[in-house]
PDB file of N, CA and C in Angstrom:
ATOM      1  N   MET A   1      -2.226 -34.015  48.364  1.00  0.00           N
ATOM      2  CA  MET A   1      -0.660 -33.886  48.506  1.00  0.00           C
ATOM      3  C   MET A   1      -0.078 -33.225  48.432  1.00  0.00           C
ATOM      4  N   ARG A   2       0.848 -33.037  48.983  1.00  0.00           N
ATOM      5  CA  ARG A   2       2.011 -31.966  49.348  1.00  0.00           C
ATOM      6  C   ARG A   2       3.257 -32.693  49.006  1.00  0.00           C
ATOM      7  N   LEU A   3       3.732 -31.988  47.608  1.00  0.00           N
ATOM      8  CA  LEU A   3       4.802 -32.463  47.047  1.00  0.00           C
ATOM      9  C   LEU A   3       6.241 -31.433  47.126  1.00  0.00           C
ATOM     10  N   GLN A   4       7.257 -31.572  47.823  1.00  0.00           N
ATOM     11  CA  GLN A   4       8.367 -30.681  47.847  1.00  0.00           C
ATOM     12  C   GLN A   4       9.226 -30.204  46.522  1.00  0.00           C
ATOM     13  N   TYR A   5       9.141 -29.327  46.104  1.00  0.00           N
ATOM     14  CA  TYR A   5      10.397 -28.895  45.048  1.00  0.00           C
ATOM     15  C   TYR A   5      11.163 -27.976  45.636  1.00  0.00           C
ATOM     16  N   PRO A   6      12.983 -27.868  44.742  1.00  0.00           N
ATOM     17  CA  PRO A   6      13.834 -27.159  44.950  1.00  0.00           C
ATOM     18  C   PRO A   6      13.183 -25.828  45.827  1.00  0.00           C
ATOM     19  N   SER A   7      14.251 -25.283  46.880  1.00  0.00           N
ATOM     20  CA  SER A   7      13.697 -24.324  47.951  1.00  0.00           C
ATOM     21  C   SER A   7      14.031 -22.536  47.187  1.00  0.00           C
ATOM     22  N   GLY A   8      14.903 -23.206  46.070  1.00  0.00           N
ATOM     23  CA  GLY A   8      15.619 -22.105  45.658  1.00  0.00           C
ATOM     24  C   GLY A   8      14.249 -21.100  44.519  1.00  0.00           C
ATOM     25  N   ILE A   9      13.612 -22.198  44.382  1.00  0.00           N
ATOM     26  CA  ILE A   9      12.910 -21.627  42.902  1.00  0.00           C
ATOM     27  C   ILE A   9      11.273 -20.719  44.036  1.00  0.00           C
ATOM     28  N   ARG A  10      11.429 -19.701  42.935  1.00  0.00           N
ATOM     29  CA  ARG A  10      10.021 -18.184  43.592  1.00  0.00           C
ATOM     30  C   ARG A  10       8.958 -19.044  41.934  1.00  0.00           C
ATOM     31  N   ILE A  11       8.286 -18.704  43.214  1.00  0.00           N
ATOM     32  CA  ILE A  11       6.698 -18.707  42.190  1.00  0.00           C
ATOM     33  C   ILE A  11       5.858 -17.479  41.802  1.00  0.00           C
ATOM     34  N   ILE A  12       5.711 -17.291  41.003  1.00  0.00           N
ATOM     35  CA  ILE A  12       5.146 -15.560  40.675  1.00  0.00           C
ATOM     36  C   ILE A  12       4.101 -16.515  39.642  1.00  0.00           C
ATOM     37  N   CYS A  13       2.773 -15.703  39.962  1.00  0.00           N
ATOM     38  CA  CYS A  13       1.310 -16.574  39.526  1.00  0.00           C
ATOM     39  C   CYS A  13       1.103 -15.415  38.882  1.00  0.00           C
ATOM     40  N   LEU A  14       0.033 -15.566  37.304  1.00  0.00           N
ATOM     41  CA  LEU A  14      -0.432 -14.554  36.725  1.00  0.00           C
ATOM     42  C   LEU A  14      -1.248 -15.679  36.250  1.00  0.00           C
ATOM     43  N   PRO A  15      -2.644 -14.558  35.282  1.00  0.00           N
ATOM     44  CA  PRO A  15      -3.557 -15.528  35.061  1.00  0.00           C
ATOM     45  C   PRO A  15      -3.264 -15.739  33.905  1.00  0.00           C
ATOM     46  N   CYS A  16      -2.199 -15.541  33.258  1.00  0.00           N
ATOM     47  CA  CYS A  16      -1.944 -16.319  31.979  1.00  0.00           C
ATOM     48  C   CYS A  16      -0.336 -15.777  31.771  1.00  0.00           C
ATOM     49  N   THR A  17       0.366 -16.911  31.154  1.00  0.00           N
ATOM     50  CA  THR A  17       1.122 -17.101  30.629  1.00  0.00           C
ATOM     51  C   THR A  17       1.070 -15.754  29.322  1.00  0.00           C
ATOM     52  N   GLY A  18       0.482 -15.479  29.072  1.00  0.00           N
ATOM     53  CA  GLY A  18       0.572 -14.168  27.488  1.00  0.00           C
ATOM     54  C   GLY A  18       0.336 -13.272  28.299  1.00  0.00           C
ATOM     55  N   LYS A  19       1.019 -13.231  29.619  1.00  0.00           N
ATOM     56  CA  LYS A  19       0.933 -11.981  30.374  1.00  0.00           C
ATOM     57  C   LYS A  19       2.362 -11.784  30.655  1.00  0.00           C
ATOM     58  N   VAL A  20       3.278 -12.635  30.571  1.00  0.00           N
ATOM     59  CA  VAL A  20       5.000 -12.808  30.698  1.00  0.00           C
ATOM     60  C   VAL A  20       5.503 -12.357  28.665  1.00  0.00           C
ATOM     61  N   ASP A  21       6.236 -11.123  29.622  1.00  0.00           N
ATOM     62  CA  ASP A  21       6.790 -10.043  28.902  1.00  0.00           C
ATOM     63  C   ASP A  21       8.452 -10.519  28.439  1.00  0.00           C
ATOM     64  N   LEU A  22       8.870 -10.436  27.135  1.00  0.00           N
ATOM     65  CA  LEU A  22      10.002 -10.175  27.075  1.00  0.00           C
ATOM     66  C   LEU A  22      10.832  -9.611  28.100  1.00  0.00           C
ATOM     67  N   LEU A  23      10.565  -8.560  28.493  1.00  0.00           N
ATOM     68  CA  LEU A  23      11.357  -7.631  28.954  1.00  0.00           C
ATOM     69  C   LEU A  23      10.845  -8.084  30.548  1.00  0.00           C
ATOM     70  N   HIS A  24      10.153  -9.018  30.942  1.00  0.00           N
ATOM     71  CA  HIS A  24       9.916  -9.597  32.733  1.00  0.00           C
ATOM     72  C   HIS A  24      11.118 -10.758  32.595  1.00  0.00           C
ATOM     73  N   LEU A  25      11.185 -11.650  31.259  1.00  0.00           N
ATOM     74  CA  LEU A  25      11.905 -12.178  31.595  1.00  0.00           C
ATOM     75  C   LEU A  25      13.748 -12.218  31.864  1.00  0.00           C
ATOM     76  N   LEU A  26      14.147 -10.575  30.846  1.00  0.00           N
ATOM     77  CA  LEU A  26      15.460 -10.322  30.821  1.00  0.00           C
ATOM     78  C   LEU A  26      15.467  -9.514  32.202  1.00  0.00           C
ATOM     79  N   HIS A  27      14.434  -8.901  32.578  1.00  0.00           N
ATOM     80  CA  HIS A  27      14.522  -8.530  33.824  1.00  0.00           C
ATOM     81  C   HIS A  27      15.073  -9.322  35.361  1.00  0.00           C
ATOM     82  N   CYS A  28      14.613 -10.364  34.852  1.00  0.00           N
ATOM     83  CA  CYS A  28      14.689 -11.322  36.232  1.00  0.00           C
ATOM     84  C   CYS A  28      16.400 -12.005  35.596  1.00  0.00           C
ATOM     85  N   PHE A  29      17.121 -12.093  34.671  1.00  0.00           N
ATOM     86  CA  PHE A  29      18.136 -12.075  34.636  1.00  0.00           C
ATOM     87  C   PHE A  29      19.304 -10.710  35.088  1.00  0.00           C
ATOM     88  N   GLU A  30      18.531  -9.337  34.961  1.00  0.00           N
ATOM     89  CA  GLU A  30      19.340  -7.905  35.329  1.00  0.00           C
ATOM     90  C   GLU A  30      19.288  -8.037  36.710  1.00  0.00           C
ATOM     91  N   LYS A  31      18.210  -8.878  37.342  1.00  0.00           N
ATOM     92  CA  LYS A  31      18.123  -8.664  38.893  1.00  0.00           C
ATOM     93  C   LYS A  31      19.234  -9.802  39.292  1.00  0.00           C
ATOM     94  N   GLY A  32      19.556 -10.744  38.651  1.00  0.00           N
ATOM     95  CA  GLY A  32      20.982 -11.882  39.182  1.00  0.00           C
ATOM     96  C   GLY A  32      20.079 -13.140  39.613  1.00  0.00           C
ATOM     97  N   ALA A  33      18.389 -13.379  38.830  1.00  0.00           N
ATOM     98  CA  ALA A  33      18.077 -14.854  38.635  1.00  0.00           C
ATOM     99  C   ALA A  33      19.130 -15.587  37.881  1.00  0.00           C
ATOM    100  N   ASP A  34      19.342 -16.715  38.302  1.00  0.00           N
ATOM    101  CA  ASP A  34      19.899 -17.798  37.535  1.00  0.00           C
ATOM    102  C   ASP A  34      19.511 -18.330  36.164  1.00  0.00           C
ATOM    103  N   GLY A  35      18.299 -18.531  36.739  1.00  0.00           N
ATOM    104  CA  GLY A  35      17.525 -19.312  35.248  1.00  0.00           C
ATOM    105  C   GLY A  35      16.119 -19.039  35.406  1.00  0.00           C
ATOM    106  N   VAL A  36      15.517 -18.896  34.401  1.00  0.00           N
ATOM    107  CA  VAL A  36      13.926 -18.911  34.540  1.00  0.00           C
ATOM    108  C   VAL A  36      12.970 -20.110  33.790  1.00  0.00           C
ATOM    109  N   TYR A  37      11.683 -20.145  34.507  1.00  0.00           N
ATOM    110  CA  TYR A  37      11.111 -21.558  33.508  1.00  0.00           C
ATOM    111  C   TYR A  37      10.086 -20.400  33.604  1.00  0.00           C
ATOM    112  N   VAL A  38       9.011 -21.054  32.559  1.00  0.00           N
ATOM    113  CA  VAL A  38       7.638 -20.654  32.381  1.00  0.00           C
ATOM    114  C   VAL A  38       6.916 -21.788  32.336  1.00  0.00           C
ATOM    115  N   VAL A  39       5.664 -22.076  33.192  1.00  0.00           N
ATOM    116  CA  VAL A  39       4.846 -23.319  33.191  1.00  0.00           C
ATOM    117  C   VAL A  39       3.635 -22.424  32.625  1.00  0.00           C
ATOM    118  N   GLY A  40       3.025 -22.938  31.168  1.00  0.00           N
ATOM    119  CA  GLY A  40       2.072 -22.348  30.965  1.00  0.00           C
ATOM    120  C   GLY A  40       0.704 -23.487  30.611  1.00  0.00           C
ATOM    121  N   CYS A  41       0.008 -23.618  30.444  1.00  0.00           N
ATOM    122  CA  CYS A  41      -1.396 -24.471  29.652  1.00  0.00           C
ATOM    123  C   CYS A  41      -1.056 -25.171  28.708  1.00  0.00           C
ATOM    124  N   LEU A  42      -1.435 -26.362  28.652  1.00  0.00           N
ATOM    125  CA  LEU A  42      -1.278 -27.403  27.569  1.00  0.00           C
ATOM    126  C   LEU A  42      -1.600 -26.004  26.349  1.00  0.00           C
ATOM    127  N   GLU A  43      -1.020 -26.608  25.364  1.00  0.00           N
ATOM    128  CA  GLU A  43      -1.113 -25.866  23.836  1.00  0.00           C
ATOM    129  C   GLU A  43      -2.461 -26.081  23.294  1.00  0.00           C
ATOM    130  N   GLY A  44      -3.603 -25.468  22.615  1.00  0.00           N
ATOM    131  CA  GLY A  44      -4.431 -25.720  22.604  1.00  0.00           C
ATOM    132  C   GLY A  44      -5.810 -26.023  23.666  1.00  0.00           C
ATOM    133  N   ALA A  45      -5.272 -25.737  24.810  1.00  0.00           N
ATOM    134  CA  ALA A  45      -6.192 -25.647  25.953  1.00  0.00           C
ATOM    135  C   ALA A  45      -5.675 -24.161  26.816  1.00  0.00           C
ATOM    136  N   CYS A  46      -5.779 -23.103  26.109  1.00  0.00           N
ATOM    137  CA  CYS A  46      -5.556 -21.947  26.565  1.00  0.00           C
ATOM    138  C   CYS A  46      -6.882 -21.390  27.305  1.00  0.00           C
ATOM    139  N   GLN A  47      -7.011 -20.449  28.622  1.00  0.00           N
ATOM    140  CA  GLN A  47      -8.277 -20.385  28.505  1.00  0.00           C
ATOM    141  C   GLN A  47      -8.353 -18.572  27.674  1.00  0.00           C
ATOM    142  N   PHE A  48      -7.193 -17.884  27.276  1.00  0.00           N
ATOM    143  CA  PHE A  48      -7.207 -17.054  26.794  1.00  0.00           C
ATOM    144  C   PHE A  48      -6.796 -16.979  25.417  1.00  0.00           C
ATOM    145  N   ASN A  49      -7.201 -18.072  24.930  1.00  0.00           N
ATOM    146  CA  ASN A  49      -6.598 -18.576  23.097  1.00  0.00           C
ATOM    147  C   ASN A  49      -5.383 -18.769  22.898  1.00  0.00           C
ATOM    148  N   THR A  50      -4.769 -17.984  23.150  1.00  0.00           N
ATOM    149  CA  THR A  50      -3.089 -18.284  22.312  1.00  0.00           C
ATOM    150  C   THR A  50      -1.929 -17.155  23.687  1.00  0.00           C
ATOM    151  N   GLY A  51      -2.638 -17.406  24.390  1.00  0.00           N
ATOM    152  CA  GLY A  51      -1.751 -16.918  25.509  1.00  0.00           C
ATOM    153  C   GLY A  51      -0.236 -17.397  25.627  1.00  0.00           C
ATOM    154  N   ASN A  52      -0.546 -18.789  25.936  1.00  0.00           N
ATOM    155  CA  ASN A  52       0.716 -19.783  25.626  1.00  0.00           C
ATOM    156  C   ASN A  52       1.570 -19.599  24.372  1.00  0.00           C
ATOM    157  N   LEU A  53       0.670 -19.404  23.453  1.00  0.00           N
ATOM    158  CA  LEU A  53       1.678 -19.420  22.315  1.00  0.00           C
ATOM    159  C   LEU A  53       2.342 -18.157  22.422  1.00  0.00           C
ATOM    160  N   ARG A  54       2.075 -17.060  22.623  1.00  0.00           N
ATOM    161  CA  ARG A  54       2.822 -15.791  23.131  1.00  0.00           C
ATOM    162  C   ARG A  54       3.910 -16.424  24.123  1.00  0.00           C
ATOM    163  N   ALA A  55       3.355 -16.673  25.040  1.00  0.00           N
ATOM    164  CA  ALA A  55       4.389 -16.863  25.879  1.00  0.00           C
ATOM    165  C   ALA A  55       5.677 -17.379  24.769  1.00  0.00           C
ATOM    166  N   ARG A  56       5.603 -19.115  24.027  1.00  0.00           N
ATOM    167  CA  ARG A  56       6.821 -19.352  24.078  1.00  0.00           C
ATOM    168  C   ARG A  56       7.386 -18.355  22.909  1.00  0.00           C
ATOM    169  N   LYS A  57       6.721 -17.633  22.287  1.00  0.00           N
ATOM    170  CA  LYS A  57       7.477 -17.244  21.192  1.00  0.00           C
ATOM    171  C   LYS A  57       8.133 -16.036  22.009  1.00  0.00           C
ATOM    172  N   ARG A  58       7.791 -15.528  23.121  1.00  0.00           N
ATOM    173  CA  ARG A  58       8.660 -14.631  24.188  1.00  0.00           C
ATOM    174  C   ARG A  58      10.042 -15.322  24.704  1.00  0.00           C
ATOM    175  N   VAL A  59       9.623 -16.669  25.247  1.00  0.00           N
ATOM    176  CA  VAL A  59      10.811 -17.413  25.969  1.00  0.00           C
ATOM    177  C   VAL A  59      11.370 -17.787  24.482  1.00  0.00           C
ATOM    178  N   ALA A  60      11.767 -17.788  23.593  1.00  0.00           N
ATOM    179  CA  ALA A  60      12.368 -18.566  22.435  1.00  0.00           C
ATOM    180  C   ALA A  60      13.316 -17.431  21.803  1.00  0.00           C
ATOM    181  N   LEU A  61      12.788 -15.878  22.224  1.00  0.00           N
ATOM    182  CA  LEU A  61      13.492 -14.625  21.732  1.00  0.00           C
ATOM    183  C   LEU A  61      14.014 -14.277  22.755  1.00  0.00           C
ATOM    184  N   ALA A  62      13.977 -14.796  24.122  1.00  0.00           N
ATOM    185  CA  ALA A  62      14.855 -14.000  25.455  1.00  0.00           C
ATOM    186  C   ALA A  62      15.531 -15.481  25.145  1.00  0.00           C
ATOM    187  N   GLN A  63      15.340 -16.450  24.827  1.00  0.00           N
ATOM    188  CA  GLN A  63      16.428 -17.289  25.070  1.00  0.00           C
ATOM    189  C   GLN A  63      17.936 -16.987  23.828  1.00  0.00           C
ATOM    190  N   GLU A  64      17.553 -16.458  22.552  1.00  0.00           N
ATOM    191  CA  GLU A  64      18.273 -15.569  21.354  1.00  0.00           C
ATOM    192  C   GLU A  64      18.643 -14.716  21.730  1.00  0.00           C
ATOM    193  N   ILE A  65      18.310 -14.032  22.785  1.00  0.00           N
ATOM    194  CA  ILE A  65      19.271 -12.786  23.569  1.00  0.00           C
ATOM    195  C   ILE A  65      20.010 -13.127  24.604  1.00  0.00           C
ATOM    196  N   LEU A  66      19.686 -13.974  25.389  1.00  0.00           N
ATOM    197  CA  LEU A  66      20.404 -14.283  26.162  1.00  0.00           C
ATOM    198  C   LEU A  66      21.828 -15.353  25.408  1.00  0.00           C
ATOM    199  N   GLU A  67      21.649 -15.965  24.968  1.00  0.00           N
ATOM    200  CA  GLU A  67      23.201 -16.995  23.784  1.00  0.00           C
ATOM    201  C   GLU A  67      23.873 -15.861  23.436  1.00  0.00           C
ATOM    202  N   LYS A  68      23.043 -14.351  22.898  1.00  0.00           N
ATOM    203  CA  LYS A  68      23.912 -13.616  21.890  1.00  0.00           C
ATOM    204  C   LYS A  68      24.466 -12.532  23.102  1.00  0.00           C
ATOM    205  N   ILE A  69      24.355 -12.134  24.126  1.00  0.00           N
ATOM    206  CA  ILE A  69      25.243 -11.673  25.137  1.00  0.00           C
ATOM    207  C   ILE A  69      25.739 -12.564  26.140  1.00  0.00           C
ATOM    208  N   GLY A  70      25.855 -14.209  25.762  1.00  0.00           N
ATOM    209  CA  GLY A  70      26.882 -14.737  26.509  1.00  0.00           C
ATOM    210  C   GLY A  70      26.442 -15.342  27.684  1.00  0.00           C
ATOM    211  N   LEU A  71      25.073 -15.578  28.196  1.00  0.00           N
ATOM    212  CA  LEU A  71      24.419 -15.599  29.830  1.00  0.00           C
ATOM    213  C   LEU A  71      24.273 -17.171  29.040  1.00  0.00           C
ATOM    214  N   GLY A  72      23.976 -17.018  27.711  1.00  0.00           N
ATOM    215  CA  GLY A  72      23.412 -19.074  27.510  1.00  0.00           C
ATOM    216  C   GLY A  72      21.761 -18.627  27.677  1.00  0.00           C
ATOM    217  N   GLY A  73      21.533 -19.370  26.670  1.00  0.00           N
ATOM    218  CA  GLY A  73      19.731 -19.488  26.008  1.00  0.00           C
ATOM    219  C   GLY A  73      19.063 -20.203  27.051  1.00  0.00           C
ATOM    220  N   ASP A  74      20.105 -21.578  27.623  1.00  0.00           N
ATOM    221  CA  ASP A  74      19.341 -22.649  28.355  1.00  0.00           C
ATOM    222  C   ASP A  74      19.110 -22.106  29.299  1.00  0.00           C
ATOM    223  N   ARG A  75      19.002 -20.814  29.782  1.00  0.00           N
ATOM    224  CA  ARG A  75      18.646 -20.822  31.000  1.00  0.00           C
ATOM    225  C   ARG A  75      17.292 -19.993  31.014  1.00  0.00           C
ATOM    226  N   VAL A  76      16.483 -20.101  30.396  1.00  0.00           N
ATOM    227  CA  VAL A  76      15.213 -19.841  29.616  1.00  0.00           C
ATOM    228  C   VAL A  76      14.512 -20.761  29.794  1.00  0.00           C
ATOM    229  N   GLN A  77      13.377 -21.379  29.772  1.00  0.00           N
ATOM    230  CA  GLN A  77      12.870 -21.992  29.250  1.00  0.00           C
ATOM    231  C   GLN A  77      11.447 -21.867  29.201  1.00  0.00           C
ATOM    232  N   MET A  78      10.561 -22.845  28.488  1.00  0.00           N
ATOM    233  CA  MET A  78       9.224 -22.567  28.595  1.00  0.00           C
ATOM    234  C   MET A  78       8.318 -24.695  28.475  1.00  0.00           C
ATOM    235  N   TYR A  79       7.091 -24.740  29.819  1.00  0.00           N
ATOM    236  CA  TYR A  79       6.769 -25.693  29.830  1.00  0.00           C
ATOM    237  C   TYR A  79       5.120 -25.594  29.565  1.00  0.00           C
ATOM    238  N   ASN A  80       4.714 -26.564  29.026  1.00  0.00           N
ATOM    239  CA  ASN A  80       3.252 -26.426  29.073  1.00  0.00           C
ATOM    240  C   ASN A  80       2.684 -28.089  30.012  1.00  0.00           C
ATOM    241  N   LEU A  81       1.883 -27.680  30.883  1.00  0.00           N
ATOM    242  CA  LEU A  81       1.420 -28.991  31.944  1.00  0.00           C
ATOM    243  C   LEU A  81      -0.353 -28.449  32.282  1.00  0.00           C
ATOM    244  N   SER A  82      -0.973 -29.407  32.349  1.00  0.00           N
ATOM    245  CA  SER A  82      -2.528 -29.350  32.920  1.00  0.00           C
ATOM    246  C   SER A  82      -2.020 -29.136  34.328  1.00  0.00           C
ATOM    247  N   SER A  83      -2.972 -28.261  35.074  1.00  0.00           N
ATOM    248  CA  SER A  83      -3.040 -27.951  36.369  1.00  0.00           C
ATOM    249  C   SER A  83      -2.754 -29.351  37.372  1.00  0.00           C
ATOM    250  N   SER A  84      -3.872 -30.378  36.941  1.00  0.00           N
ATOM    251  CA  SER A  84      -3.460 -31.793  37.424  1.00  0.00           C
ATOM    252  C   SER A  84      -2.719 -32.647  37.423  1.00  0.00           C
ATOM    253  N   GLU A  85      -1.028 -31.888  36.827  1.00  0.00           N
ATOM    254  CA  GLU A  85       0.420 -32.286  36.545  1.00  0.00           C
ATOM    255  C   GLU A  85       1.424 -32.197  37.802  1.00  0.00           C
ATOM    256  N   ALA A  86       0.814 -32.144  39.076  1.00  0.00           N
ATOM    257  CA  ALA A  86       1.816 -31.347  40.110  1.00  0.00           C
ATOM    258  C   ALA A  86       2.854 -32.265  39.955  1.00  0.00           C
ATOM    259  N   PRO A  87       3.066 -33.663  40.003  1.00  0.00           N
ATOM    260  CA  PRO A  87       4.445 -34.136  40.174  1.00  0.00           C
ATOM    261  C   PRO A  87       4.860 -34.151  38.580  1.00  0.00           C
ATOM    262  N   ARG A  88       5.063 -33.500  37.850  1.00  0.00           N
ATOM    263  CA  ARG A  88       5.347 -33.382  36.512  1.00  0.00           C
ATOM    264  C   ARG A  88       5.789 -31.536  37.473  1.00  0.00           C
ATOM    265  N   PHE A  89       5.451 -31.070  36.983  1.00  0.00           N
ATOM    266  CA  PHE A  89       5.459 -29.710  37.938  1.00  0.00           C
ATOM    267  C   PHE A  89       7.165 -29.971  38.591  1.00  0.00           C
ATOM    268  N   VAL A  90       7.232 -31.033  39.619  1.00  0.00           N
ATOM    269  CA  VAL A  90       8.089 -30.924  40.890  1.00  0.00           C
ATOM    270  C   VAL A  90       9.004 -31.259  39.866  1.00  0.00           C
ATOM    271  N   GLN A  91       9.082 -32.515  38.805  1.00  0.00           N
ATOM    272  CA  GLN A  91      10.046 -32.774  38.416  1.00  0.00           C
ATOM    273  C   GLN A  91      10.444 -31.867  37.461  1.00  0.00           C
ATOM    274  N   ILE A  92       9.952 -30.981  36.243  1.00  0.00           N
ATOM    275  CA  ILE A  92      10.431 -30.133  36.135  1.00  0.00           C
ATOM    276  C   ILE A  92      11.655 -29.324  36.574  1.00  0.00           C
ATOM    277  N   ALA A  93      10.887 -28.785  37.747  1.00  0.00           N
ATOM    278  CA  ALA A  93      11.515 -27.812  39.235  1.00  0.00           C
ATOM    279  C   ALA A  93      12.928 -28.291  39.103  1.00  0.00           C
ATOM    280  N   GLU A  94      12.687 -29.726  39.717  1.00  0.00           N
ATOM    281  CA  GLU A  94      14.020 -30.058  39.517  1.00  0.00           C
ATOM    282  C   GLU A  94      15.214 -30.737  38.594  1.00  0.00           C
ATOM    283  N   GLU A  95      14.469 -30.555  37.339  1.00  0.00           N
ATOM    284  CA  GLU A  95      15.800 -30.770  36.461  1.00  0.00           C
ATOM    285  C   GLU A  95      16.589 -29.549  36.075  1.00  0.00           C
ATOM    286  N   MET A  96      14.904 -28.403  36.081  1.00  0.00           N
ATOM    287  CA  MET A  96      15.384 -27.042  35.502  1.00  0.00           C
ATOM    288  C   MET A  96      16.990 -26.750  36.756  1.00  0.00           C
ATOM    289  N   THR A  97      16.590 -26.745  38.216  1.00  0.00           N
ATOM    290  CA  THR A  97      17.370 -26.878  39.097  1.00  0.00           C
ATOM    291  C   THR A  97      19.097 -27.515  39.121  1.00  0.00           C
ATOM    292  N   GLN A  98      18.927 -28.786  38.368  1.00  0.00           N
ATOM    293  CA  GLN A  98      19.871 -29.455  38.107  1.00  0.00           C
ATOM    294  C   GLN A  98      20.891 -28.349  37.237  1.00  0.00           C
ATOM    295  N   LYS A  99      20.051 -28.520  35.787  1.00  0.00           N
ATOM    296  CA  LYS A  99      20.548 -27.561  34.445  1.00  0.00           C
ATOM    297  C   LYS A  99      21.349 -26.249  34.800  1.00  0.00           C
ATOM    298  N   ILE A 100      20.329 -25.490  35.954  1.00  0.00           N
ATOM    299  CA  ILE A 100      20.860 -24.420  36.266  1.00  0.00           C
ATOM    300  C   ILE A 100      22.474 -24.486  36.924  1.00  0.00           C
ATOM    301  N   LEU A 101      22.531 -25.427  38.024  1.00  0.00           N
ATOM    302  CA  LEU A 101      23.635 -25.654  38.802  1.00  0.00           C
ATOM    303  C   LEU A 101      24.671 -26.041  37.878  1.00  0.00           C
ATOM    304  N   LYS A 102      24.565 -26.414  36.840  1.00  0.00           N
ATOM    305  CA  LYS A 102      25.439 -27.436  36.130  1.00  0.00           C
ATOM    306  C   LYS A 102      25.930 -25.844  35.329  1.00  0.00           C
ATOM    307  N   LEU A 103      25.105 -24.834  34.674  1.00  0.00           N
ATOM    308  CA  LEU A 103      25.200 -23.911  34.038  1.00  0.00           C
ATOM    309  C   LEU A 103      26.262 -22.814  35.048  1.00  0.00           C
ATOM    310  N   GLY A 104      26.345 -22.928  36.043  1.00  0.00           N
ATOM    311  CA  GLY A 104      26.376 -21.974  37.392  1.00  0.00           C
ATOM    312  C   GLY A 104      25.969 -21.039  37.651  1.00  0.00           C
ATOM    313  N   PRO A 105      26.587 -20.043  37.951  1.00  0.00           N
ATOM    314  CA  PRO A 105      25.903 -18.388  38.370  1.00  0.00           C
ATOM    315  C   PRO A 105      25.705 -17.332  37.511  1.00  0.00           C
ATOM    316  N   ASN A 106      24.546 -16.483  37.446  1.00  0.00           N
ATOM    317  CA  ASN A 106      24.493 -16.167  36.116  1.00  0.00           C
ATOM    318  C   ASN A 106      26.082 -14.667  36.473  1.00  0.00           C
ATOM    319  N   PRO A 107      26.330 -14.946  35.648  1.00  0.00           N
ATOM    320  CA  PRO A 107      27.464 -13.958  35.121  1.00  0.00           C
ATOM    321  C   PRO A 107      27.174 -12.519  35.607  1.00  0.00           C
ATOM    322  N   ILE A 108      25.859 -12.058  35.190  1.00  0.00           N
ATOM    323  CA  ILE A 108      25.590 -10.332  36.153  1.00  0.00           C
ATOM    324  C   ILE A 108      25.744 -10.208  37.720  1.00  0.00           C
ATOM    325  N   LYS A 109      24.840 -11.361  38.117  1.00  0.00           N
ATOM    326  CA  LYS A 109      25.210 -11.202  39.349  1.00  0.00           C
ATOM    327  C   LYS A 109      26.731 -11.192  40.224  1.00  0.00           C
ATOM    328  N   LEU A 110      27.570 -12.558  39.150  1.00  0.00           N
ATOM    329  CA  LEU A 110      28.949 -12.807  39.519  1.00  0.00           C
ATOM    330  C   LEU A 110      29.463 -11.087  39.445  1.00  0.00           C
ATOM    331  N   ALA A 111      29.304 -10.288  38.420  1.00  0.00           N
ATOM    332  CA  ALA A 111      30.257  -9.282  38.203  1.00  0.00           C
ATOM    333  C   ALA A 111      29.763  -8.309  39.238  1.00  0.00           C
ATOM    334  N   ARG A 112      28.369  -8.072  39.405  1.00  0.00           N
ATOM    335  CA  ARG A 112      27.976  -7.372  40.280  1.00  0.00           C
ATOM    336  C   ARG A 112      28.828  -7.363  41.893  1.00  0.00           C
ATOM    337  N   ARG A 113      29.021  -8.796  42.175  1.00  0.00           N
ATOM    338  CA  ARG A 113      29.667  -8.709  43.129  1.00  0.00           C
ATOM    339  C   ARG A 113      31.275  -8.403  43.219  1.00  0.00           C
ATOM    340  N   LYS A 114      31.734  -8.788  42.316  1.00  0.00           N
ATOM    341  CA  LYS A 114      33.045  -8.271  42.137  1.00  0.00           C
ATOM    342  C   LYS A 114      33.245  -6.596  41.952  1.00  0.00           C
ATOM    343  N   MET A 115      32.242  -5.973  41.680  1.00  0.00           N
ATOM    344  CA  MET A 115      32.147  -4.522  41.226  1.00  0.00           C
ATOM    345  C   MET A 115      32.347  -3.743  43.163  1.00  0.00           C
ATOM    346  N   ALA A 116      31.445  -4.546  43.591  1.00  0.00           N
ATOM    347  CA  ALA A 116      31.054  -4.332  44.816  1.00  0.00           C
ATOM    348  C   ALA A 116      31.857  -4.809  46.716  1.00  0.00           C
ATOM    349  N   ALA A 117      32.739  -5.466  45.920  1.00  0.00           N
ATOM    350  CA  ALA A 117      34.014  -5.678  46.863  1.00  0.00           C
ATOM    351  C   ALA A 117      34.910  -5.043  46.732  1.00  0.00           C
TER     352      ALA A 117
END
């Protein structure tokens, strides 16, 4: 089954979402990402016990930080899926893309463009 998701999405594979650190999430925005979403295994089904729960806490902290600095906490989200839910992955990718388009470009990216001009 070949499913299409929006071309602007860049997938970074990790052995477990528990490896996603708060600094990784914030670094994405520093580098100009308009949005980030983390897709982990279903809660209670983590091969590494609590990796997806740690990732959820880190995403929530990133949301708080982004909200406080004015970028908007909605730019980062966490989803839980099983590996058999490819159609749902595509649906989430499309939903996140639409959400980010409504929020507009990352203000950090815009500021860098102005400084370079």
